[in-house]
Amino acid sequence: MSSNIITYLNILEENNNREWYHANKSGLHVATEEFEELIQSLLLELGKADYRLLNYSPKELTFKLVRDTRYSHDKSPYNPSFRCHISSGGKLPIPVGYYLAIRPGNRSFLGGGLFADMFKEATQKIREHINLHSDELKDILTLPGFSDGIEINGTILKNVPKDFDPVHPMVKYLKHKSWYVEVPFEDSLLEDTKGFLKFAVEKYLLMKPFNDFLNCALADFKIPVR
């Protein structure tokens, strides 16, 4: 299954320019179709645990390869990775859901939680939820499977935010501005579609209690409209 996705991304990474990109649209089309078929399979499986995920098509959940280079030192016009976010809100970062990034060179990963840290109100809501429900978070972090190699990452402050107890049992997570988890996987896993789907769904369902915890905190949050 990975032949088209990984092959195309490998070549794009080596030829990251507009001329090559536009001259090889057929390769992009084939790889994109393959990626969307993979997302559809994930939707059907994850939809068994949350039917709201089935409200979206794969095309609505994917991110473009084109990069915004206005504020970046790296002026490469394309991001050589296929990415999607599956949640009850589509590909928006909130509600949190399941992230998939396929990047060649064994740099792919499954993700869950909140990757964005620019929404101050969302950050505050999660901190307050952790503050009041620390036992629930502790139970999630010690669930079989989740506690085995899955760690919460994210932007972290040096000091405990004001209004929170510096000796709170979950103080390390109160210092976060974002809360996410990642499970890396190698290119070779994509060679067996059934094997990959089994692996991905298993890991995503391990992330579900963590996602549910964050989404409970964010139940009333609305992403600001530009």
C-alpha atoms as a PDB file:
ATOM      1  CA  MET A   1       0.000   0.000   0.000  1.00  0.00           C
ATOM      2  CA  SER A   2       2.862   2.392   0.731  1.00  0.00           C
ATOM      3  CA  SER A   3       4.398   2.153  -2.742  1.00  0.00           C
ATOM      4  CA  ASN A   4       2.645   5.231  -4.116  1.00  0.00           C
ATOM      5  CA  ILE A   5       2.528   7.367  -0.953  1.00  0.00           C
ATOM      6  CA  ILE A   6       6.096   6.863   0.224  1.00  0.00           C
ATOM      7  CA  THR A   7       7.553   6.866  -3.294  1.00  0.00           C
ATOM      8  CA  TYR A   8       5.855  10.128  -4.212  1.00  0.00           C
ATOM      9  CA  LEU A   9       6.823  11.848  -0.958  1.00  0.00           C
ATOM     10  CA  ASN A  10      10.422  10.671  -1.247  1.00  0.00           C
ATOM     11  CA  ILE A  11      10.740  12.177  -4.720  1.00  0.00           C
ATOM     12  CA  LEU A  12       8.931  15.381  -3.704  1.00  0.00           C
ATOM     13  CA  GLU A  13      11.376  15.831  -0.835  1.00  0.00           C
ATOM     14  CA  GLU A  14      14.268  15.529  -3.279  1.00  0.00           C
ATOM     15  CA  ASN A  15      12.616  17.881  -5.803  1.00  0.00           C
ATOM     16  CA  ASN A  16      10.867  20.389  -3.563  1.00  0.00           C
ATOM     17  CA  ASN A  17      10.164  23.028  -6.199  1.00  0.00           C
ATOM     18  CA  ARG A  18       7.110  24.251  -8.089  1.00  0.00           C
ATOM     19  CA  GLU A  19       8.354  23.103 -11.501  1.00  0.00           C
ATOM     20  CA  TRP A  20       8.642  19.460 -10.470  1.00  0.00           C
ATOM     21  CA  TYR A  21       5.421  19.572  -8.449  1.00  0.00           C
ATOM     22  CA  HIS A  22       3.307  20.830 -11.345  1.00  0.00           C
ATOM     23  CA  ALA A  23       4.979  18.484 -13.832  1.00  0.00           C
ATOM     24  CA  ASN A  24       4.115  15.459 -11.691  1.00  0.00           C
ATOM     25  CA  LYS A  25       0.475  16.020 -10.797  1.00  0.00           C
ATOM     26  CA  SER A  26      -0.411  12.484 -11.895  1.00  0.00           C
ATOM     27  CA  GLY A  27       1.830  11.012  -9.196  1.00  0.00           C
ATOM     28  CA  LEU A  28       0.249  13.311  -6.618  1.00  0.00           C
ATOM     29  CA  HIS A  29      -3.229  12.229  -7.702  1.00  0.00           C
ATOM     30  CA  VAL A  30      -2.435   8.521  -7.312  1.00  0.00           C
ATOM     31  CA  ALA A  31      -0.774   9.000  -3.900  1.00  0.00           C
ATOM     32  CA  THR A  32      -3.615  11.225  -2.675  1.00  0.00           C
ATOM     33  CA  GLU A  33      -6.210   8.646  -3.672  1.00  0.00           C
ATOM     34  CA  GLU A  34      -4.286   6.014  -1.758  1.00  0.00           C
ATOM     35  CA  PHE A  35      -4.091   8.253   1.322  1.00  0.00           C
ATOM     36  CA  GLU A  36      -7.805   9.049   1.200  1.00  0.00           C
ATOM     37  CA  GLU A  37      -8.641   5.340   0.950  1.00  0.00           C
ATOM     38  CA  LEU A  38      -6.570   4.810   4.087  1.00  0.00           C
ATOM     39  CA  ILE A  39      -8.436   7.601   5.904  1.00  0.00           C
ATOM     40  CA  GLN A  40     -11.785   6.143   4.852  1.00  0.00           C
ATOM     41  CA  SER A  41     -10.810   2.792   6.327  1.00  0.00           C
ATOM     42  CA  LEU A  42      -9.788   4.506   9.577  1.00  0.00           C
ATOM     43  CA  LEU A  43     -13.070   6.422   9.675  1.00  0.00           C
ATOM     44  CA  LEU A  44     -15.096   3.247   9.342  1.00  0.00           C
ATOM     45  CA  GLU A  45     -13.228   1.599  12.207  1.00  0.00           C
ATOM     46  CA  LEU A  46     -13.042   4.613  14.538  1.00  0.00           C
ATOM     47  CA  GLY A  47     -16.651   5.457  13.734  1.00  0.00           C
ATOM     48  CA  LYS A  48     -17.673   2.329  15.638  1.00  0.00           C
ATOM     49  CA  ALA A  49     -16.545   4.096  18.828  1.00  0.00           C
ATOM     50  CA  ASP A  50     -17.734   7.584  17.807  1.00  0.00           C
ATOM     51  CA  TYR A  51     -20.335   7.815  15.041  1.00  0.00           C
ATOM     52  CA  ARG A  52     -19.791  11.587  14.702  1.00  0.00           C
ATOM     53  CA  LEU A  53     -16.540  10.910  12.863  1.00  0.00           C
ATOM     54  CA  LEU A  54     -18.575   9.486  10.004  1.00  0.00           C
ATOM     55  CA  ASN A  55     -19.965  12.939   9.199  1.00  0.00           C
ATOM     56  CA  TYR A  56     -16.790  13.789   7.262  1.00  0.00           C
ATOM     57  CA  SER A  57     -15.226  12.620   4.028  1.00  0.00           C
ATOM     58  CA  PRO A  58     -11.463  11.998   3.781  1.00  0.00           C
ATOM     59  CA  LYS A  59     -11.038  15.120   1.614  1.00  0.00           C
ATOM     60  CA  GLU A  60     -12.476  17.261   4.422  1.00  0.00           C
ATOM     61  CA  LEU A  61      -9.904  15.963   6.897  1.00  0.00           C
ATOM     62  CA  THR A  62      -6.646  16.349   4.957  1.00  0.00           C
ATOM     63  CA  PHE A  63      -4.120  19.183   4.930  1.00  0.00           C
ATOM     64  CA  LYS A  64      -2.498  20.659   1.838  1.00  0.00           C
ATOM     65  CA  LEU A  65       1.100  20.012   0.907  1.00  0.00           C
ATOM     66  CA  VAL A  66       1.642  23.699   0.139  1.00  0.00           C
ATOM     67  CA  ARG A  67       3.574  25.474   2.903  1.00  0.00           C
ATOM     68  CA  ASP A  68       3.138  29.031   4.157  1.00  0.00           C
ATOM     69  CA  THR A  69       6.710  30.304   3.881  1.00  0.00           C
ATOM     70  CA  ARG A  70       6.044  33.961   4.705  1.00  0.00           C
ATOM     71  CA  TYR A  71       7.536  33.770   8.200  1.00  0.00           C
ATOM     72  CA  SER A  72       9.862  30.807   7.750  1.00  0.00           C
ATOM     73  CA  HIS A  73      13.580  30.624   6.984  1.00  0.00           C
ATOM     74  CA  ASP A  74      12.827  27.440   5.049  1.00  0.00           C
ATOM     75  CA  LYS A  75      11.386  28.579   1.726  1.00  0.00           C
ATOM     76  CA  SER A  76      10.648  25.074   0.411  1.00  0.00           C
ATOM     77  CA  PRO A  77       7.198  25.448  -1.129  1.00  0.00           C
ATOM     78  CA  TYR A  78       5.855  22.005  -0.120  1.00  0.00           C
ATOM     79  CA  ASN A  79       5.620  19.888   2.988  1.00  0.00           C
ATOM     80  CA  PRO A  80       6.543  16.355   1.871  1.00  0.00           C
ATOM     81  CA  SER A  81       4.010  14.633   4.094  1.00  0.00           C
ATOM     82  CA  PHE A  82       0.392  13.521   3.931  1.00  0.00           C
ATOM     83  CA  ARG A  83      -1.513  14.640   7.032  1.00  0.00           C
ATOM     84  CA  CYS A  84      -5.042  14.476   8.381  1.00  0.00           C
ATOM     85  CA  HIS A  85      -6.967  15.120  11.597  1.00  0.00           C
ATOM     86  CA  ILE A  86     -10.021  13.005  12.382  1.00  0.00           C
ATOM     87  CA  SER A  87     -12.410  14.375  15.000  1.00  0.00           C
ATOM     88  CA  SER A  88     -16.061  15.204  15.600  1.00  0.00           C
ATOM     89  CA  GLY A  89     -15.214  18.723  14.402  1.00  0.00           C
ATOM     90  CA  GLY A  90     -13.343  17.664  11.293  1.00  0.00           C
ATOM     91  CA  LYS A  91      -9.766  18.780  10.810  1.00  0.00           C
ATOM     92  CA  LEU A  92     -10.007  21.763  13.166  1.00  0.00           C
ATOM     93  CA  PRO A  93      -7.638  21.349  16.149  1.00  0.00           C
ATOM     94  CA  ILE A  94     -10.565  21.517  18.584  1.00  0.00           C
ATOM     95  CA  PRO A  95     -12.365  19.209  19.344  1.00  0.00           C
ATOM     96  CA  VAL A  96      -9.215  17.127  19.598  1.00  0.00           C
ATOM     97  CA  GLY A  97      -9.075  13.845  17.742  1.00  0.00           C
ATOM     98  CA  TYR A  98      -6.745  11.535  15.877  1.00  0.00           C
ATOM     99  CA  TYR A  99      -3.839  12.858  13.827  1.00  0.00           C
ATOM    100  CA  LEU A 100      -1.988  10.965  11.111  1.00  0.00           C
ATOM    101  CA  ALA A 101       1.205  12.181   9.470  1.00  0.00           C
ATOM    102  CA  ILE A 102       2.971  10.094   6.829  1.00  0.00           C
ATOM    103  CA  ARG A 103       6.474  11.331   6.077  1.00  0.00           C
ATOM    104  CA  PRO A 104       9.154   9.211   4.353  1.00  0.00           C
ATOM    105  CA  GLY A 105      12.314   8.113   6.099  1.00  0.00           C
ATOM    106  CA  ASN A 106      10.525   6.465   9.049  1.00  0.00           C
ATOM    107  CA  ARG A 107       9.277   9.827  10.322  1.00  0.00           C
ATOM    108  CA  SER A 108       5.549   9.043  10.327  1.00  0.00           C
ATOM    109  CA  PHE A 109       3.404   9.078  13.454  1.00  0.00           C
ATOM    110  CA  LEU A 110      -0.076   8.711  14.916  1.00  0.00           C
ATOM    111  CA  GLY A 111      -1.151  11.525  17.203  1.00  0.00           C
ATOM    112  CA  GLY A 112      -3.829  12.540  19.656  1.00  0.00           C
ATOM    113  CA  GLY A 113      -4.645  15.461  21.920  1.00  0.00           C
ATOM    114  CA  LEU A 114      -4.185  19.193  21.444  1.00  0.00           C
ATOM    115  CA  PHE A 115      -1.213  20.209  19.301  1.00  0.00           C
ATOM    116  CA  ALA A 116      -2.160  23.910  19.057  1.00  0.00           C
ATOM    117  CA  ASP A 117      -1.114  26.255  21.853  1.00  0.00           C
ATOM    118  CA  MET A 118      -2.286  29.623  20.515  1.00  0.00           C
ATOM    119  CA  PHE A 119      -5.746  29.526  22.107  1.00  0.00           C
ATOM    120  CA  LYS A 120      -5.287  30.981  25.599  1.00  0.00           C
ATOM    121  CA  GLU A 121      -8.878  30.289  26.617  1.00  0.00           C
ATOM    122  CA  ALA A 122      -8.561  26.626  25.598  1.00  0.00           C
ATOM    123  CA  THR A 123      -5.326  26.297  27.547  1.00  0.00           C
ATOM    124  CA  GLN A 124      -6.937  27.804  30.642  1.00  0.00           C
ATOM    125  CA  LYS A 125      -9.963  25.499  30.399  1.00  0.00           C
ATOM    126  CA  ILE A 126      -7.749  22.412  30.235  1.00  0.00           C
ATOM    127  CA  ARG A 127      -5.632  23.561  33.184  1.00  0.00           C
ATOM    128  CA  GLU A 128      -8.742  24.151  35.261  1.00  0.00           C
ATOM    129  CA  HIS A 129     -10.046  20.703  34.304  1.00  0.00           C
ATOM    130  CA  ILE A 130      -6.763  19.063  35.282  1.00  0.00           C
ATOM    131  CA  ASN A 131      -6.777  21.031  38.531  1.00  0.00           C
ATOM    132  CA  LEU A 132     -10.226  19.706  39.475  1.00  0.00           C
ATOM    133  CA  HIS A 133      -9.974  16.208  37.982  1.00  0.00           C
ATOM    134  CA  SER A 134      -6.383  15.148  38.639  1.00  0.00           C
ATOM    135  CA  ASP A 135      -7.397  11.647  39.738  1.00  0.00           C
ATOM    136  CA  GLU A 136      -9.191  11.077  36.427  1.00  0.00           C
ATOM    137  CA  LEU A 137      -6.130  12.162  34.459  1.00  0.00           C
ATOM    138  CA  LYS A 138      -3.903   9.955  36.603  1.00  0.00           C
ATOM    139  CA  ASP A 139      -6.175   6.978  35.896  1.00  0.00           C
ATOM    140  CA  ILE A 140      -5.943   7.653  32.150  1.00  0.00           C
ATOM    141  CA  LEU A 141      -2.170   7.934  32.206  1.00  0.00           C
ATOM    142  CA  THR A 142      -1.861   4.604  34.017  1.00  0.00           C
ATOM    143  CA  LEU A 143      -4.233   2.651  31.763  1.00  0.00           C
ATOM    144  CA  PRO A 144      -2.687  -0.554  30.363  1.00  0.00           C
ATOM    145  CA  GLY A 145      -1.162   0.238  26.993  1.00  0.00           C
ATOM    146  CA  PHE A 146      -1.279   4.002  27.382  1.00  0.00           C
ATOM    147  CA  SER A 147       1.313   3.980  30.128  1.00  0.00           C
ATOM    148  CA  ASP A 148       3.556   1.766  28.015  1.00  0.00           C
ATOM    149  CA  GLY A 149       5.646   4.258  26.061  1.00  0.00           C
ATOM    150  CA  ILE A 150       3.016   6.951  25.383  1.00  0.00           C
ATOM    151  CA  GLU A 151       3.942  10.307  26.911  1.00  0.00           C
ATOM    152  CA  ILE A 152       2.192  13.668  26.960  1.00  0.00           C
ATOM    153  CA  ASN A 153       4.174  16.249  24.999  1.00  0.00           C
ATOM    154  CA  GLY A 154       3.582  19.919  24.284  1.00  0.00           C
ATOM    155  CA  THR A 155       4.804  23.443  24.899  1.00  0.00           C
ATOM    156  CA  ILE A 156       5.687  23.788  28.585  1.00  0.00           C
ATOM    157  CA  LEU A 157       6.117  26.871  30.761  1.00  0.00           C
ATOM    158  CA  LYS A 158       9.103  27.174  33.097  1.00  0.00           C
ATOM    159  CA  ASN A 159       6.920  28.120  36.052  1.00  0.00           C
ATOM    160  CA  VAL A 160       3.528  27.059  37.345  1.00  0.00           C
ATOM    161  CA  PRO A 161       0.842  29.487  36.087  1.00  0.00           C
ATOM    162  CA  LYS A 162      -0.577  31.822  38.691  1.00  0.00           C
ATOM    163  CA  ASP A 163      -3.744  30.687  40.481  1.00  0.00           C
ATOM    164  CA  PHE A 164      -2.539  27.076  40.518  1.00  0.00           C
ATOM    165  CA  ASP A 165      -0.968  25.184  43.388  1.00  0.00           C
ATOM    166  CA  PRO A 166       2.778  24.655  42.817  1.00  0.00           C
ATOM    167  CA  VAL A 167       2.560  21.338  44.699  1.00  0.00           C
ATOM    168  CA  HIS A 168      -0.518  20.064  42.866  1.00  0.00           C
ATOM    169  CA  PRO A 169      -0.172  16.302  42.121  1.00  0.00           C
ATOM    170  CA  MET A 170      -0.487  17.001  38.380  1.00  0.00           C
ATOM    171  CA  VAL A 171       1.569  20.194  38.436  1.00  0.00           C
ATOM    172  CA  LYS A 172       3.785  19.066  35.534  1.00  0.00           C
ATOM    173  CA  TYR A 173       0.725  19.071  33.273  1.00  0.00           C
ATOM    174  CA  LEU A 174      -0.584  22.379  34.607  1.00  0.00           C
ATOM    175  CA  LYS A 175       2.561  23.954  33.147  1.00  0.00           C
ATOM    176  CA  HIS A 176       1.643  22.796  29.651  1.00  0.00           C
ATOM    177  CA  LYS A 177       0.203  25.070  26.948  1.00  0.00           C
ATOM    178  CA  SER A 178      -0.577  22.102  24.693  1.00  0.00           C
ATOM    179  CA  TRP A 179      -1.101  18.431  25.461  1.00  0.00           C
ATOM    180  CA  TYR A 180      -0.526  15.798  22.796  1.00  0.00           C
ATOM    181  CA  VAL A 181       0.751  12.268  22.319  1.00  0.00           C
ATOM    182  CA  GLU A 182       2.595  10.677  19.404  1.00  0.00           C
ATOM    183  CA  VAL A 183       3.239   7.091  18.365  1.00  0.00           C
ATOM    184  CA  PRO A 184       5.899   6.820  15.633  1.00  0.00           C
ATOM    185  CA  PHE A 185       5.932   4.095  13.013  1.00  0.00           C
ATOM    186  CA  GLU A 186       8.234   3.035  10.179  1.00  0.00           C
ATOM    187  CA  ASP A 187       7.583   3.159   6.434  1.00  0.00           C
ATOM    188  CA  SER A 188       7.527  -0.644   6.281  1.00  0.00           C
ATOM    189  CA  LEU A 189       4.340  -0.774   8.376  1.00  0.00           C
ATOM    190  CA  LEU A 190       2.471   0.812   5.476  1.00  0.00           C
ATOM    191  CA  GLU A 191       3.304  -2.117   3.199  1.00  0.00           C
ATOM    192  CA  ASP A 192       0.519  -4.152   4.822  1.00  0.00           C
ATOM    193  CA  THR A 193      -2.742  -2.184   4.812  1.00  0.00           C
ATOM    194  CA  LYS A 194      -4.583  -4.537   7.175  1.00  0.00           C
ATOM    195  CA  GLY A 195      -1.616  -4.633   9.514  1.00  0.00           C
ATOM    196  CA  PHE A 196      -1.338  -0.862   9.550  1.00  0.00           C
ATOM    197  CA  LEU A 197      -5.068  -0.366  10.181  1.00  0.00           C
ATOM    198  CA  LYS A 198      -4.989  -2.827  13.079  1.00  0.00           C
ATOM    199  CA  PHE A 199      -1.990  -1.024  14.585  1.00  0.00           C
ATOM    200  CA  ALA A 200      -3.430   2.466  14.060  1.00  0.00           C
ATOM    201  CA  VAL A 201      -6.923   1.717  15.392  1.00  0.00           C
ATOM    202  CA  GLU A 202      -5.466  -0.014  18.446  1.00  0.00           C
ATOM    203  CA  LYS A 203      -3.259   2.989  19.259  1.00  0.00           C
ATOM    204  CA  TYR A 204      -5.997   5.531  18.536  1.00  0.00           C
ATOM    205  CA  LEU A 205      -8.423   3.750  20.860  1.00  0.00           C
ATOM    206  CA  LEU A 206      -5.750   3.842  23.572  1.00  0.00           C
ATOM    207  CA  MET A 207      -5.677   7.627  23.049  1.00  0.00           C
ATOM    208  CA  LYS A 208      -9.459   7.979  23.192  1.00  0.00           C
ATOM    209  CA  PRO A 209      -9.817   8.405  27.002  1.00  0.00           C
ATOM    210  CA  PHE A 210      -7.138  11.117  26.870  1.00  0.00           C
ATOM    211  CA  ASN A 211      -8.915  12.859  23.984  1.00  0.00           C
ATOM    212  CA  ASP A 212     -12.244  12.557  25.814  1.00  0.00           C
ATOM    213  CA  PHE A 213     -10.712  14.132  28.918  1.00  0.00           C
ATOM    214  CA  LEU A 214      -9.461  17.141  26.923  1.00  0.00           C
ATOM    215  CA  ASN A 215     -12.713  17.471  24.994  1.00  0.00           C
ATOM    216  CA  CYS A 216     -14.686  17.474  28.232  1.00  0.00           C
ATOM    217  CA  ALA A 217     -12.595  20.467  29.329  1.00  0.00           C
ATOM    218  CA  LEU A 218     -13.148  22.131  25.947  1.00  0.00           C
ATOM    219  CA  ALA A 219     -16.874  21.418  25.659  1.00  0.00           C
ATOM    220  CA  ASP A 220     -17.831  25.123  25.612  1.00  0.00           C
ATOM    221  CA  PHE A 221     -14.792  26.385  23.709  1.00  0.00           C
ATOM    222  CA  LYS A 222     -15.292  27.950  20.294  1.00  0.00           C
ATOM    223  CA  ILE A 223     -12.388  28.547  17.939  1.00  0.00           C
ATOM    224  CA  PRO A 224     -12.213  32.305  17.234  1.00  0.00           C
ATOM    225  CA  VAL A 225     -13.446  33.314  13.794  1.00  0.00           C
ATOM    226  CA  ARG A 226     -10.959  35.335  11.779  1.00  0.00           C
END
